[in-house]
Protein backbone atom coordinates (compact mmCIF):
# COMPACT_ATOMS: atom_id res chain seq x y z
CA MET A 1 117.74 140.22 60.28
CA GLU A 2 121.32 140.94 61.41
CA SER A 3 123.85 139.98 58.81
CA ILE A 4 127.39 138.96 58.87
CA SER A 5 128.50 142.23 57.95
CA ASP A 6 126.45 144.00 60.79
CA PHE A 7 127.86 141.92 63.53
CA SER A 8 131.36 141.98 62.15
CA SER A 9 131.16 146.14 62.27
CA SER A 10 130.73 146.01 65.96
CA ALA A 11 131.89 143.06 67.13
CA ASN A 12 134.96 143.05 69.91
CA LEU A 13 137.65 141.40 68.05
CA ILE A 14 139.56 138.58 70.06
CA ASP A 15 143.14 139.45 70.77
CA THR A 16 146.15 137.32 70.82
CA ASN A 17 146.27 137.55 74.78
CA ARG A 18 142.95 135.76 74.90
CA ILE A 19 142.62 133.56 71.69
CA ASP A 20 144.45 130.66 73.22
CA VAL A 21 143.01 130.64 76.49
CA LEU A 22 139.48 130.32 74.72
CA VAL A 23 141.02 127.88 72.52
CA SER A 24 142.21 126.12 75.84
CA ARG A 25 138.63 126.25 77.30
CA PHE A 26 136.91 124.69 74.24
CA CYS A 27 139.37 121.84 73.97
CA HIS A 28 138.70 120.59 77.74
CA LEU A 29 135.23 119.93 76.80
CA PHE A 30 136.77 117.02 74.33
CA PRO A 31 138.67 113.94 75.72
CA ARG A 32 142.02 113.33 74.87
CA VAL A 33 142.59 116.64 73.28
CA VAL A 34 144.91 119.46 74.46
CA ALA A 35 145.52 123.19 73.55
CA MET A 36 149.09 124.63 73.27
CA GLU A 37 150.21 128.19 73.05
CA LEU A 38 149.92 130.49 70.20
CA LEU A 39 152.49 129.75 67.41
CA TRP A 40 153.60 133.17 66.04
CA VAL A 41 154.67 132.65 62.30
CA CYS A 42 156.20 135.57 60.22
CA ALA A 43 154.85 134.68 56.62
CA ARG A 44 157.17 136.72 54.19
CA THR A 45 157.00 135.83 50.59
CA SER A 46 160.54 135.00 50.60
CA HIS A 47 160.60 132.60 53.87
CA LEU A 48 158.91 131.66 56.99
CA THR A 49 160.02 131.90 60.25
CA SER A 50 158.61 131.54 63.93
CA ARG A 51 158.90 132.87 67.11
CA GLU A 52 160.53 130.48 69.81
CA TYR A 53 158.05 127.37 70.31
CA PRO A 54 158.23 123.92 72.15
CA PHE A 55 158.12 121.77 69.07
CA ASP A 56 159.49 118.88 71.38
CA GLU A 57 156.45 119.17 73.77
CA TRP A 58 154.34 119.05 70.79
CA LYS A 59 155.44 116.23 69.51
CA GLN A 60 155.72 114.46 72.84
CA LYS A 61 152.15 115.18 73.24
CA LEU A 62 151.17 113.53 69.81
CA LEU A 63 153.26 110.50 71.11
CA ASP A 64 151.49 110.36 74.22
CA SER A 65 148.11 109.69 71.85
CA TYR A 66 146.63 113.15 72.41
CA ILE A 67 145.18 115.53 69.73
CA VAL A 68 146.85 118.66 69.85
CA VAL A 69 145.12 122.11 68.92
CA ILE A 70 147.31 124.84 68.29
CA PRO A 71 146.32 128.32 67.35
CA ILE A 72 148.42 130.37 64.91
CA VAL A 73 148.61 134.17 64.57
CA PHE A 74 150.63 135.53 61.47
CA TYR A 75 152.36 138.84 62.07
CA LYS A 76 154.26 141.55 60.42
CA GLU A 77 157.78 142.51 61.37
CA ASP A 78 158.78 144.92 58.64
CA GLY A 79 157.73 146.18 55.12
CA SER A 80 158.27 143.10 53.60
CA GLU A 81 155.69 141.30 51.34
CA TYR A 82 153.62 138.71 53.09
CA LEU A 83 151.61 135.50 52.19
CA ALA A 84 149.46 136.14 55.40
CA SER A 85 149.33 138.91 57.79
CA ASN A 86 147.37 140.03 61.36
CA HIS A 87 145.53 136.87 60.73
CA TYR A 88 144.80 133.76 62.73
CA ASN A 89 144.83 130.18 61.67
CA ILE A 90 144.45 126.98 63.50
CA ILE A 91 145.76 123.52 63.47
CA ILE A 92 144.48 120.09 64.86
CA SER A 93 147.29 117.34 64.93
CA TRP A 94 147.12 113.77 65.74
CA ILE A 95 148.78 110.51 64.99
CA ASP A 96 147.10 108.02 62.78
CA ALA A 97 146.80 104.28 62.98
CA ASN A 98 149.94 104.09 60.71
CA GLY A 99 152.01 105.99 63.15
CA SER A 100 152.21 109.02 61.10
CA ILE A 101 151.47 112.76 61.97
CA CYS A 102 148.52 114.35 60.57
CA ILE A 103 148.28 118.18 60.64
CA GLU A 104 145.06 119.83 59.71
CA ARG A 105 144.91 123.36 59.08
CA TYR A 106 142.25 125.79 58.87
CA GLU A 107 142.24 128.95 57.12
CA PRO A 108 139.25 130.91 57.61
CA ASN A 109 140.10 133.29 54.55
CA VAL A 110 142.19 132.62 51.52
CA SER A 111 145.94 131.34 51.53
CA LYS A 112 148.26 133.44 49.30
CA GLY A 113 151.08 131.83 47.20
CA ASN A 114 152.59 128.46 48.57
CA LEU A 115 151.84 129.23 52.26
CA ASP A 116 150.62 125.40 52.72
CA LYS A 117 154.12 124.09 51.29
CA ARG A 118 156.00 126.57 53.32
CA LEU A 119 154.17 125.77 56.51
CA GLN A 120 154.38 121.94 55.76
CA ASP A 121 158.41 122.35 55.38
CA MET A 122 158.58 124.16 58.90
CA PHE A 123 156.42 121.55 60.68
CA GLU A 124 158.65 118.71 59.22
CA GLU A 125 161.77 120.61 60.04
CA HIS A 126 160.85 121.25 63.90
CA LEU A 127 159.03 118.27 64.40
CA ASN A 128 161.88 116.06 62.79
CA LYS A 129 159.34 113.86 60.96
CA LYS A 130 157.60 114.00 57.63
CA ILE A 131 153.77 114.69 58.15
CA LYS A 132 150.44 114.20 56.36
CA TYR A 133 148.97 117.68 55.71
CA ILE A 134 145.71 118.70 55.07
CA SER A 135 144.61 122.40 54.40
CA THR A 136 141.04 123.42 54.51
CA GLU A 137 139.42 126.95 53.39
CA GLY A 138 136.67 128.07 55.55
CA LEU A 139 133.81 130.29 55.84
CA GLN A 140 135.43 133.71 56.08
CA SER A 141 135.65 133.89 52.43
CA LYS A 142 132.33 132.32 51.68
CA LEU A 143 130.47 134.75 53.89
CA ASN A 144 132.40 137.76 52.71
CA ASP A 145 133.65 138.87 56.19
CA LYS A 146 136.72 140.93 56.81
CA ARG A 147 137.08 141.05 60.70
CA LEU A 148 136.05 137.60 62.51
CA CYS A 149 138.86 135.24 61.90
CA GLY A 150 139.29 134.82 65.39
CA TYR A 151 135.31 133.84 66.09
CA HIS A 152 135.77 131.48 62.41
CA ILE A 153 138.75 129.43 64.11
CA LEU A 154 136.76 128.74 67.15
CA TYR A 155 133.89 127.67 65.23
CA TRP A 156 135.42 125.13 62.97
CA MET A 157 137.55 124.11 65.98
CA ILE A 158 134.43 123.02 67.95
CA TYR A 159 132.45 121.49 64.86
CA ARG A 160 135.73 119.83 63.68
CA LEU A 161 136.36 118.00 67.29
CA LYS A 162 132.89 117.02 67.41
CA HIS A 163 131.87 115.76 63.86
CA GLY A 164 134.98 114.80 62.35
CA LYS A 165 136.03 115.78 59.06
CA ASP A 166 133.55 114.83 56.68
CA LYS A 167 130.70 116.56 58.24
CA THR A 168 132.65 119.47 58.75
CA GLU A 169 133.39 119.74 54.94
CA ILE A 170 129.71 119.50 54.40
CA MET A 171 129.17 122.50 56.74
CA LEU A 172 131.82 124.47 55.10
CA VAL A 173 130.37 123.82 51.52
CA ALA A 174 126.76 124.74 52.94
CA SER A 175 128.31 127.98 53.95
CA LYS A 176 125.00 128.73 56.37
CA ALA A 177 125.62 132.25 58.13
CA LYS A 178 122.90 131.67 60.81
CA PRO A 179 124.31 128.82 62.94
CA PHE A 180 127.78 130.84 62.74
CA LEU A 181 126.17 133.77 63.75
CA GLU A 182 124.37 132.30 66.52
CA PHE A 183 127.66 131.03 67.76
CA CYS A 184 128.85 134.65 67.44
CA ARG A 185 126.53 136.45 69.53
CA CYS A 186 126.65 134.09 72.35
CA LEU A 187 130.65 134.19 72.14
CA GLU A 188 130.53 137.98 72.07
CA ASP A 189 128.28 138.17 75.07
CA GLU A 190 130.56 135.74 76.89
CA TYR A 191 133.38 137.48 75.73
CA LYS A 192 132.35 140.83 77.15
CA LYS A 193 132.18 139.26 80.62
CA PHE A 194 135.46 137.25 80.25
CA ILE A 195 137.37 140.62 79.21
CA SER A 196 135.90 142.61 82.16
CA GLY A 197 136.92 140.07 84.91
CA LYS A 198 133.62 138.77 85.35
CA LYS A 199 132.40 135.10 85.40
CA SER A 200 131.83 133.91 82.10
CA GLU A 201 130.36 130.66 80.60
CA CYS A 202 131.81 130.27 77.29
CA GLU A 203 130.90 126.52 77.21
CA ARG A 204 127.52 127.38 76.68
CA CYS A 205 128.24 128.93 73.21
CA VAL A 206 129.27 125.53 72.15
CA LYS A 207 125.61 124.24 72.35
CA LYS A 208 125.29 126.69 69.31
CA VAL A 209 127.63 124.66 67.28
CA LEU A 210 126.74 121.13 68.42
CA LYS A 211 123.18 121.21 68.50
């Protein structure tokens, strides 16, 4: 039986030119859910910076009652020390019944230091509003995987949008490799078509998560 490490060693990694496209394709399957472009964050241990980003558009979509999904890529600029680098996260954001902006960040692996606090401060500064911030650690560390963070964020996003927070937490605690591997194999097959310009049906992989 194939293991996570077996699949990971040969899998095509999902590059930054396509992760936002895949996030957008999957988000279209859910009502009132929209995806925005990649948010690039340089997470030095001394301070966080981001590339230019349409934060006002993000805030407006929230005010228009959309659930907004944003993939994050942590990148390096120089030889500094980093809280995260060469790594994907994803956030789901919405406005709750009390009018508060809620941001849930999914970290497939394990965060270093005070990254959560730094991200919360950065979001509050750019959105010009206090937020309710939630951070969840996921399957990548639990399944001892080093390479598949792109697959992990897509899997979590689909599960979270369909089943809600409580059931998703149960799924993460269970840490079962089989359903995640089924999703990965499906997405790998479709991704090969996608990057070669052939017609792909990535949406069929959703059934591997939602069954």
